[in-house]
Amino acid sequence: MAINENDNKYIYVIVGQNIRRIRKEKHLTQLQLAELIRYSEGTIANIENSSFQTFSLEFLYILAKKLNISMNEFFYGANLPVVNDEDFDLSDK
């Protein structure tokens, strides 16, 4: 699947690919991963195949905890903009 970085679904594709990569590095099947995090095997398959275009930060957090990895691992290879504190005015106006 060609990924266009300007598409809003780009990040879901990247994260799905990384979940597949991490799962395989941990020698887990989709079913084993699903059972580990108490989600369905279909959910894992859909996320990895980019056909499930939304999931929560809670899902990623649970996955990271169960796999004992940093959440940064899910975003590996993503060409995301660098955000600096100066980009945000956090003061009350």
PDB file of N, CA and C in Angstrom:
ATOM      1  N   MET A   1       0.840  -1.176   0.000  1.00  0.00           N
ATOM      2  CA  MET A   1       0.000   0.000   0.000  1.00  0.00           C
ATOM      3  C   MET A   1       0.884   1.237   0.000  1.00  0.00           C
ATOM      4  N   ALA A   2       0.682   2.116  -0.942  1.00  0.00           N
ATOM      5  CA  ALA A   2       1.423   3.361  -1.003  1.00  0.00           C
ATOM      6  C   ALA A   2       0.926   4.290   0.091  1.00  0.00           C
ATOM      7  N   ILE A   3       1.855   4.905   0.770  1.00  0.00           N
ATOM      8  CA  ILE A   3       1.504   5.788   1.878  1.00  0.00           C
ATOM      9  C   ILE A   3       1.818   7.221   1.485  1.00  0.00           C
ATOM     10  N   ASN A   4       0.802   8.047   1.546  1.00  0.00           N
ATOM     11  CA  ASN A   4       0.981   9.466   1.302  1.00  0.00           C
ATOM     12  C   ASN A   4       1.062  10.153   2.654  1.00  0.00           C
ATOM     13  N   GLU A   5       2.183  10.773   2.941  1.00  0.00           N
ATOM     14  CA  GLU A   5       2.398  11.405   4.237  1.00  0.00           C
ATOM     15  C   GLU A   5       1.396  12.511   4.538  1.00  0.00           C
ATOM     16  N   ASN A   6       0.757  13.043   3.527  1.00  0.00           N
ATOM     17  CA  ASN A   6      -0.214  14.119   3.737  1.00  0.00           C
ATOM     18  C   ASN A   6      -1.617  13.586   4.031  1.00  0.00           C
ATOM     19  N   ASP A   7      -1.801  12.289   3.889  1.00  0.00           N
ATOM     20  CA  ASP A   7      -3.088  11.674   4.173  1.00  0.00           C
ATOM     21  C   ASP A   7      -3.237  11.545   5.687  1.00  0.00           C
ATOM     22  N   ASN A   8      -4.386  11.875   6.220  1.00  0.00           N
ATOM     23  CA  ASN A   8      -4.618  11.781   7.658  1.00  0.00           C
ATOM     24  C   ASN A   8      -4.507  10.356   8.169  1.00  0.00           C
ATOM     25  N   LYS A   9      -4.642   9.367   7.293  1.00  0.00           N
ATOM     26  CA  LYS A   9      -4.565   7.965   7.707  1.00  0.00           C
ATOM     27  C   LYS A   9      -3.130   7.440   7.713  1.00  0.00           C
ATOM     28  N   TYR A  10      -2.202   8.266   7.291  1.00  0.00           N
ATOM     29  CA  TYR A  10      -0.789   7.892   7.222  1.00  0.00           C
ATOM     30  C   TYR A  10      -0.288   7.299   8.541  1.00  0.00           C
ATOM     31  N   ILE A  11      -0.602   7.945   9.645  1.00  0.00           N
ATOM     32  CA  ILE A  11      -0.076   7.502  10.936  1.00  0.00           C
ATOM     33  C   ILE A  11      -0.631   6.138  11.321  1.00  0.00           C
ATOM     34  N   TYR A  12      -1.875   5.853  10.944  1.00  0.00           N
ATOM     35  CA  TYR A  12      -2.454   4.549  11.251  1.00  0.00           C
ATOM     36  C   TYR A  12      -1.744   3.436  10.477  1.00  0.00           C
ATOM     37  N   VAL A  13      -1.368   3.724   9.258  1.00  0.00           N
ATOM     38  CA  VAL A  13      -0.645   2.745   8.441  1.00  0.00           C
ATOM     39  C   VAL A  13       0.725   2.474   9.055  1.00  0.00           C
ATOM     40  N   ILE A  14       1.440   3.533   9.424  1.00  0.00           N
ATOM     41  CA  ILE A  14       2.764   3.391  10.038  1.00  0.00           C
ATOM     42  C   ILE A  14       2.673   2.597  11.330  1.00  0.00           C
ATOM     43  N   VAL A  15       1.731   2.958  12.191  1.00  0.00           N
ATOM     44  CA  VAL A  15       1.580   2.260  13.471  1.00  0.00           C
ATOM     45  C   VAL A  15       1.213   0.793  13.238  1.00  0.00           C
ATOM     46  N   GLY A  16       0.318   0.529  12.311  1.00  0.00           N
ATOM     47  CA  GLY A  16      -0.049  -0.849  12.004  1.00  0.00           C
ATOM     48  C   GLY A  16       1.136  -1.673  11.531  1.00  0.00           C
ATOM     49  N   GLN A  17       1.962  -1.086  10.675  1.00  0.00           N
ATOM     50  CA  GLN A  17       3.157  -1.778  10.193  1.00  0.00           C
ATOM     51  C   GLN A  17       4.121  -2.060  11.342  1.00  0.00           C
ATOM     52  N   ASN A  18       4.242  -1.101  12.249  1.00  0.00           N
ATOM     53  CA  ASN A  18       5.138  -1.287  13.383  1.00  0.00           C
ATOM     54  C   ASN A  18       4.605  -2.318  14.374  1.00  0.00           C
ATOM     55  N   ILE A  19       3.308  -2.363  14.556  1.00  0.00           N
ATOM     56  CA  ILE A  19       2.738  -3.399  15.417  1.00  0.00           C
ATOM     57  C   ILE A  19       3.054  -4.775  14.843  1.00  0.00           C
ATOM     58  N   ARG A  20       2.899  -4.939  13.538  1.00  0.00           N
ATOM     59  CA  ARG A  20       3.232  -6.210  12.892  1.00  0.00           C
ATOM     60  C   ARG A  20       4.710  -6.542  13.092  1.00  0.00           C
ATOM     61  N   ARG A  21       5.582  -5.559  12.861  1.00  0.00           N
ATOM     62  CA  ARG A  21       7.028  -5.773  13.015  1.00  0.00           C
ATOM     63  C   ARG A  21       7.368  -6.188  14.449  1.00  0.00           C
ATOM     64  N   ILE A  22       6.837  -5.480  15.415  1.00  0.00           N
ATOM     65  CA  ILE A  22       7.129  -5.766  16.822  1.00  0.00           C
ATOM     66  C   ILE A  22       6.586  -7.144  17.208  1.00  0.00           C
ATOM     67  N   ARG A  23       5.373  -7.435  16.763  1.00  0.00           N
ATOM     68  CA  ARG A  23       4.766  -8.730  17.069  1.00  0.00           C
ATOM     69  C   ARG A  23       5.647  -9.871  16.553  1.00  0.00           C
ATOM     70  N   LYS A  24       6.128  -9.725  15.327  1.00  0.00           N
ATOM     71  CA  LYS A  24       6.979 -10.764  14.741  1.00  0.00           C
ATOM     72  C   LYS A  24       8.327 -10.855  15.455  1.00  0.00           C
ATOM     73  N   GLU A  25       8.878  -9.705  15.859  1.00  0.00           N
ATOM     74  CA  GLU A  25      10.135  -9.709  16.615  1.00  0.00           C
ATOM     75  C   GLU A  25       9.970 -10.435  17.953  1.00  0.00           C
ATOM     76  N   LYS A  26       8.764 -10.363  18.509  1.00  0.00           N
ATOM     77  CA  LYS A  26       8.471 -11.028  19.785  1.00  0.00           C
ATOM     78  C   LYS A  26       8.004 -12.471  19.573  1.00  0.00           C
ATOM     79  N   HIS A  27       8.005 -12.923  18.310  1.00  0.00           N
ATOM     80  CA  HIS A  27       7.616 -14.294  17.944  1.00  0.00           C
ATOM     81  C   HIS A  27       6.195 -14.623  18.417  1.00  0.00           C
ATOM     82  N   LEU A  28       5.295 -13.680  18.181  1.00  0.00           N
ATOM     83  CA  LEU A  28       3.890 -13.864  18.543  1.00  0.00           C
ATOM     84  C   LEU A  28       3.035 -13.945  17.289  1.00  0.00           C
ATOM     85  N   THR A  29       2.024 -14.782  17.327  1.00  0.00           N
ATOM     86  CA  THR A  29       1.022 -14.779  16.270  1.00  0.00           C
ATOM     87  C   THR A  29       0.018 -13.679  16.574  1.00  0.00           C
ATOM     88  N   GLN A  30      -0.814 -13.366  15.609  1.00  0.00           N
ATOM     89  CA  GLN A  30      -1.866 -12.386  15.864  1.00  0.00           C
ATOM     90  C   GLN A  30      -2.781 -12.859  16.989  1.00  0.00           C
ATOM     91  N   LEU A  31      -3.086 -14.139  17.018  1.00  0.00           N
ATOM     92  CA  LEU A  31      -3.940 -14.694  18.058  1.00  0.00           C
ATOM     93  C   LEU A  31      -3.280 -14.569  19.429  1.00  0.00           C
ATOM     94  N   GLN A  32      -2.003 -14.887  19.519  1.00  0.00           N
ATOM     95  CA  GLN A  32      -1.296 -14.782  20.798  1.00  0.00           C
ATOM     96  C   GLN A  32      -1.265 -13.341  21.293  1.00  0.00           C
ATOM     97  N   LEU A  33      -1.019 -12.399  20.387  1.00  0.00           N
ATOM     98  CA  LEU A  33      -1.011 -10.988  20.773  1.00  0.00           C
ATOM     99  C   LEU A  33      -2.393 -10.563  21.232  1.00  0.00           C
ATOM    100  N   ALA A  34      -3.406 -10.958  20.504  1.00  0.00           N
ATOM    101  CA  ALA A  34      -4.779 -10.608  20.864  1.00  0.00           C
ATOM    102  C   ALA A  34      -5.127 -11.133  22.257  1.00  0.00           C
ATOM    103  N   GLU A  35      -4.758 -12.369  22.533  1.00  0.00           N
ATOM    104  CA  GLU A  35      -5.039 -12.941  23.848  1.00  0.00           C
ATOM    105  C   GLU A  35      -4.262 -12.230  24.944  1.00  0.00           C
ATOM    106  N   LEU A  36      -3.040 -11.831  24.649  1.00  0.00           N
ATOM    107  CA  LEU A  36      -2.200 -11.136  25.618  1.00  0.00           C
ATOM    108  C   LEU A  36      -2.813  -9.807  26.054  1.00  0.00           C
ATOM    109  N   ILE A  37      -3.401  -9.091  25.099  1.00  0.00           N
ATOM    110  CA  ILE A  37      -3.944  -7.767  25.420  1.00  0.00           C
ATOM    111  C   ILE A  37      -5.469  -7.760  25.544  1.00  0.00           C
ATOM    112  N   ARG A  38      -6.066  -8.940  25.387  1.00  0.00           N
ATOM    113  CA  ARG A  38      -7.519  -9.107  25.546  1.00  0.00           C
ATOM    114  C   ARG A  38      -8.323  -8.298  24.515  1.00  0.00           C
ATOM    115  N   TYR A  39      -7.864  -8.370  23.300  1.00  0.00           N
ATOM    116  CA  TYR A  39      -8.582  -7.833  22.146  1.00  0.00           C
ATOM    117  C   TYR A  39      -8.817  -8.997  21.197  1.00  0.00           C
ATOM    118  N   SER A  40      -9.620  -8.785  20.176  1.00  0.00           N
ATOM    119  CA  SER A  40      -9.872  -9.873  19.234  1.00  0.00           C
ATOM    120  C   SER A  40      -8.740  -9.992  18.215  1.00  0.00           C
ATOM    121  N   GLU A  41      -8.580 -11.197  17.714  1.00  0.00           N
ATOM    122  CA  GLU A  41      -7.591 -11.433  16.666  1.00  0.00           C
ATOM    123  C   GLU A  41      -7.919 -10.596  15.434  1.00  0.00           C
ATOM    124  N   GLY A  42      -9.213 -10.433  15.152  1.00  0.00           N
ATOM    125  CA  GLY A  42      -9.634  -9.618  14.014  1.00  0.00           C
ATOM    126  C   GLY A  42      -9.204  -8.172  14.147  1.00  0.00           C
ATOM    127  N   THR A  43      -9.244  -7.649  15.354  1.00  0.00           N
ATOM    128  CA  THR A  43      -8.792  -6.271  15.583  1.00  0.00           C
ATOM    129  C   THR A  43      -7.317  -6.127  15.250  1.00  0.00           C
ATOM    130  N   ILE A  44      -6.524  -7.073  15.733  1.00  0.00           N
ATOM    131  CA  ILE A  44      -5.078  -7.041  15.441  1.00  0.00           C
ATOM    132  C   ILE A  44      -4.843  -7.138  13.938  1.00  0.00           C
ATOM    133  N   ALA A  45      -5.509  -8.073  13.289  1.00  0.00           N
ATOM    134  CA  ALA A  45      -5.349  -8.252  11.837  1.00  0.00           C
ATOM    135  C   ALA A  45      -5.734  -6.980  11.089  1.00  0.00           C
ATOM    136  N   ASN A  46      -6.852  -6.378  11.454  1.00  0.00           N
ATOM    137  CA  ASN A  46      -7.308  -5.174  10.763  1.00  0.00           C
ATOM    138  C   ASN A  46      -6.354  -4.006  10.962  1.00  0.00           C
ATOM    139  N   ILE A  47      -5.814  -3.857  12.163  1.00  0.00           N
ATOM    140  CA  ILE A  47      -4.852  -2.774  12.410  1.00  0.00           C
ATOM    141  C   ILE A  47      -3.588  -3.006  11.598  1.00  0.00           C
ATOM    142  N   GLU A  48      -3.092  -4.220  11.602  1.00  0.00           N
ATOM    143  CA  GLU A  48      -1.871  -4.529  10.853  1.00  0.00           C
ATOM    144  C   GLU A  48      -2.070  -4.394   9.346  1.00  0.00           C
ATOM    145  N   ASN A  49      -3.267  -4.635   8.854  1.00  0.00           N
ATOM    146  CA  ASN A  49      -3.555  -4.565   7.418  1.00  0.00           C
ATOM    147  C   ASN A  49      -4.036  -3.202   6.965  1.00  0.00           C
ATOM    148  N   SER A  50      -4.060  -2.245   7.873  1.00  0.00           N
ATOM    149  CA  SER A  50      -4.496  -0.869   7.568  1.00  0.00           C
ATOM    150  C   SER A  50      -5.954  -0.791   7.165  1.00  0.00           C
ATOM    151  N   SER A  51      -6.752  -1.798   7.505  1.00  0.00           N
ATOM    152  CA  SER A  51      -8.178  -1.713   7.189  1.00  0.00           C
ATOM    153  C   SER A  51      -8.981  -1.225   8.394  1.00  0.00           C
ATOM    154  N   PHE A  52      -8.311  -1.058   9.514  1.00  0.00           N
ATOM    155  CA  PHE A  52      -8.938  -0.544  10.734  1.00  0.00           C
ATOM    156  C   PHE A  52      -8.283   0.796  10.983  1.00  0.00           C
ATOM    157  N   GLN A  53      -8.930   1.872  10.604  1.00  0.00           N
ATOM    158  CA  GLN A  53      -8.292   3.171  10.548  1.00  0.00           C
ATOM    159  C   GLN A  53      -8.466   4.024  11.799  1.00  0.00           C
ATOM    160  N   THR A  54      -8.798   3.408  12.900  1.00  0.00           N
ATOM    161  CA  THR A  54      -8.847   4.164  14.141  1.00  0.00           C
ATOM    162  C   THR A  54      -8.630   3.221  15.309  1.00  0.00           C
ATOM    163  N   PHE A  55      -7.857   3.670  16.250  1.00  0.00           N
ATOM    164  CA  PHE A  55      -7.670   2.970  17.517  1.00  0.00           C
ATOM    165  C   PHE A  55      -7.191   4.010  18.514  1.00  0.00           C
ATOM    166  N   SER A  56      -7.321   3.677  19.769  1.00  0.00           N
ATOM    167  CA  SER A  56      -7.078   4.672  20.813  1.00  0.00           C
ATOM    168  C   SER A  56      -5.642   4.654  21.315  1.00  0.00           C
ATOM    169  N   LEU A  57      -5.286   5.740  21.985  1.00  0.00           N
ATOM    170  CA  LEU A  57      -4.003   5.774  22.682  1.00  0.00           C
ATOM    171  C   LEU A  57      -3.982   4.736  23.792  1.00  0.00           C
ATOM    172  N   GLU A  58      -5.139   4.484  24.389  1.00  0.00           N
ATOM    173  CA  GLU A  58      -5.233   3.459  25.420  1.00  0.00           C
ATOM    174  C   GLU A  58      -4.837   2.098  24.848  1.00  0.00           C
ATOM    175  N   PHE A  59      -5.283   1.800  23.626  1.00  0.00           N
ATOM    176  CA  PHE A  59      -4.906   0.549  22.970  1.00  0.00           C
ATOM    177  C   PHE A  59      -3.386   0.460  22.847  1.00  0.00           C
ATOM    178  N   LEU A  60      -2.749   1.534  22.371  1.00  0.00           N
ATOM    179  CA  LEU A  60      -1.296   1.532  22.210  1.00  0.00           C
ATOM    180  C   LEU A  60      -0.592   1.421  23.557  1.00  0.00           C
ATOM    181  N   TYR A  61      -1.142   2.085  24.565  1.00  0.00           N
ATOM    182  CA  TYR A  61      -0.561   2.039  25.911  1.00  0.00           C
ATOM    183  C   TYR A  61      -0.602   0.608  26.466  1.00  0.00           C
ATOM    184  N   ILE A  62      -1.750  -0.042  26.338  1.00  0.00           N
ATOM    185  CA  ILE A  62      -1.883  -1.430  26.799  1.00  0.00           C
ATOM    186  C   ILE A  62      -0.901  -2.325  26.052  1.00  0.00           C
ATOM    187  N   LEU A  63      -0.829  -2.142  24.750  1.00  0.00           N
ATOM    188  CA  LEU A  63       0.076  -2.937  23.922  1.00  0.00           C
ATOM    189  C   LEU A  63       1.530  -2.730  24.344  1.00  0.00           C
ATOM    190  N   ALA A  64       1.923  -1.483  24.549  1.00  0.00           N
ATOM    191  CA  ALA A  64       3.297  -1.173  24.956  1.00  0.00           C
ATOM    192  C   ALA A  64       3.624  -1.806  26.310  1.00  0.00           C
ATOM    193  N   LYS A  65       2.705  -1.701  27.251  1.00  0.00           N
ATOM    194  CA  LYS A  65       2.931  -2.286  28.580  1.00  0.00           C
ATOM    195  C   LYS A  65       3.083  -3.800  28.497  1.00  0.00           C
ATOM    196  N   LYS A  66       2.178  -4.457  27.770  1.00  0.00           N
ATOM    197  CA  LYS A  66       2.212  -5.918  27.680  1.00  0.00           C
ATOM    198  C   LYS A  66       3.445  -6.425  26.924  1.00  0.00           C
ATOM    199  N   LEU A  67       3.917  -5.645  25.958  1.00  0.00           N
ATOM    200  CA  LEU A  67       5.087  -6.044  25.172  1.00  0.00           C
ATOM    201  C   LEU A  67       6.394  -5.522  25.762  1.00  0.00           C
ATOM    202  N   ASN A  68       6.271  -4.713  26.827  1.00  0.00           N
ATOM    203  CA  ASN A  68       7.440  -4.150  27.503  1.00  0.00           C
ATOM    204  C   ASN A  68       8.315  -3.329  26.545  1.00  0.00           C
ATOM    205  N   ILE A  69       7.649  -2.421  25.824  1.00  0.00           N
ATOM    206  CA  ILE A  69       8.347  -1.548  24.882  1.00  0.00           C
ATOM    207  C   ILE A  69       7.911  -0.108  25.114  1.00  0.00           C
ATOM    208  N   SER A  70       8.649   0.811  24.534  1.00  0.00           N
ATOM    209  CA  SER A  70       8.292   2.219  24.575  1.00  0.00           C
ATOM    210  C   SER A  70       7.208   2.500  23.542  1.00  0.00           C
ATOM    211  N   MET A  71       6.331   3.422  23.834  1.00  0.00           N
ATOM    212  CA  MET A  71       5.303   3.802  22.856  1.00  0.00           C
ATOM    213  C   MET A  71       5.939   4.400  21.604  1.00  0.00           C
ATOM    214  N   ASN A  72       7.146   4.914  21.726  1.00  0.00           N
ATOM    215  CA  ASN A  72       7.854   5.461  20.557  1.00  0.00           C
ATOM    216  C   ASN A  72       8.028   4.418  19.457  1.00  0.00           C
ATOM    217  N   GLU A  73       8.123   3.158  19.848  1.00  0.00           N
ATOM    218  CA  GLU A  73       8.324   2.080  18.873  1.00  0.00           C
ATOM    219  C   GLU A  73       7.214   2.021  17.830  1.00  0.00           C
ATOM    220  N   PHE A  74       6.015   2.423  18.201  1.00  0.00           N
ATOM    221  CA  PHE A  74       4.890   2.362  17.271  1.00  0.00           C
ATOM    222  C   PHE A  74       5.007   3.400  16.154  1.00  0.00           C
ATOM    223  N   PHE A  75       5.812   4.428  16.379  1.00  0.00           N
ATOM    224  CA  PHE A  75       5.919   5.526  15.420  1.00  0.00           C
ATOM    225  C   PHE A  75       7.246   5.505  14.652  1.00  0.00           C
ATOM    226  N   TYR A  76       8.008   4.432  14.800  1.00  0.00           N
ATOM    227  CA  TYR A  76       9.285   4.293  14.118  1.00  0.00           C
ATOM    228  C   TYR A  76       9.094   4.418  12.601  1.00  0.00           C
ATOM    229  N   GLY A  77       9.907   5.260  12.002  1.00  0.00           N
ATOM    230  CA  GLY A  77       9.863   5.425  10.551  1.00  0.00           C
ATOM    231  C   GLY A  77       8.856   6.434  10.062  1.00  0.00           C
ATOM    232  N   ALA A  78       8.063   6.975  10.966  1.00  0.00           N
ATOM    233  CA  ALA A  78       7.073   7.975  10.567  1.00  0.00           C
ATOM    234  C   ALA A  78       7.764   9.311  10.370  1.00  0.00           C
ATOM    235  N   ASN A  79       7.472   9.944   9.279  1.00  0.00           N
ATOM    236  CA  ASN A  79       8.032  11.256   8.992  1.00  0.00           C
ATOM    237  C   ASN A  79       7.088  12.297   9.597  1.00  0.00           C
ATOM    238  N   LEU A  80       7.219  12.474  10.906  1.00  0.00           N
ATOM    239  CA  LEU A  80       6.335  13.392  11.619  1.00  0.00           C
ATOM    240  C   LEU A  80       7.052  14.716  11.864  1.00  0.00           C
ATOM    241  N   PRO A  81       6.307  15.801  11.872  1.00  0.00           N
ATOM    242  CA  PRO A  81       6.936  17.102  12.113  1.00  0.00           C
ATOM    243  C   PRO A  81       7.472  17.186  13.537  1.00  0.00           C
ATOM    244  N   VAL A  82       8.564  17.915  13.683  1.00  0.00           N
ATOM    245  CA  VAL A  82       9.120  18.174  15.002  1.00  0.00           C
ATOM    246  C   VAL A  82       8.365  19.343  15.595  1.00  0.00           C
ATOM    247  N   VAL A  83       7.902  19.172  16.808  1.00  0.00           N
ATOM    248  CA  VAL A  83       7.143  20.221  17.474  1.00  0.00           C
ATOM    249  C   VAL A  83       7.989  20.775  18.608  1.00  0.00           C
ATOM    250  N   ASN A  84       8.126  22.078  18.639  1.00  0.00           N
ATOM    251  CA  ASN A  84       8.880  22.755  19.681  1.00  0.00           C
ATOM    252  C   ASN A  84       7.932  23.472  20.624  1.00  0.00           C
ATOM    253  N   ASP A  85       8.379  23.680  21.848  1.00  0.00           N
ATOM    254  CA  ASP A  85       7.561  24.397  22.827  1.00  0.00           C
ATOM    255  C   ASP A  85       7.172  25.784  22.321  1.00  0.00           C
ATOM    256  N   GLU A  86       8.033  26.397  21.533  1.00  0.00           N
ATOM    257  CA  GLU A  86       7.747  27.744  21.028  1.00  0.00           C
ATOM    258  C   GLU A  86       6.552  27.755  20.072  1.00  0.00           C
ATOM    259  N   ASP A  87       6.207  26.594  19.534  1.00  0.00           N
ATOM    260  CA  ASP A  87       5.082  26.506  18.595  1.00  0.00           C
ATOM    261  C   ASP A  87       3.739  26.656  19.282  1.00  0.00           C
ATOM    262  N   PHE A  88       3.732  26.566  20.608  1.00  0.00           N
ATOM    263  CA  PHE A  88       2.479  26.617  21.344  1.00  0.00           C
ATOM    264  C   PHE A  88       2.530  27.742  22.371  1.00  0.00           C
ATOM    265  N   ASP A  89       1.453  28.497  22.427  1.00  0.00           N
ATOM    266  CA  ASP A  89       1.301  29.493  23.475  1.00  0.00           C
ATOM    267  C   ASP A  89       0.387  28.884  24.522  1.00  0.00           C
ATOM    268  N   LEU A  90       0.959  28.432  25.619  1.00  0.00           N
ATOM    269  CA  LEU A  90       0.201  27.740  26.644  1.00  0.00           C
ATOM    270  C   LEU A  90      -0.318  28.670  27.740  1.00  0.00           C
ATOM    271  N   SER A  91      -0.053  29.950  27.591  1.00  0.00           N
ATOM    272  CA  SER A  91      -0.505  30.885  28.619  1.00  0.00           C
ATOM    273  C   SER A  91      -1.993  31.193  28.448  1.00  0.00           C
ATOM    274  N   ASP A  92      -2.648  31.466  29.553  1.00  0.00           N
ATOM    275  CA  ASP A  92      -4.054  31.883  29.518  1.00  0.00           C
ATOM    276  C   ASP A  92      -4.111  33.307  29.022  1.00  0.00           C
ATOM    277  N   LYS A  93      -5.046  33.569  28.149  1.00  0.00           N
ATOM    278  CA  LYS A  93      -5.163  34.932  27.600  1.00  0.00           C
ATOM    279  C   LYS A  93      -6.373  35.607  28.163  1.00  0.00           C
TER     280      LYS A  93
END
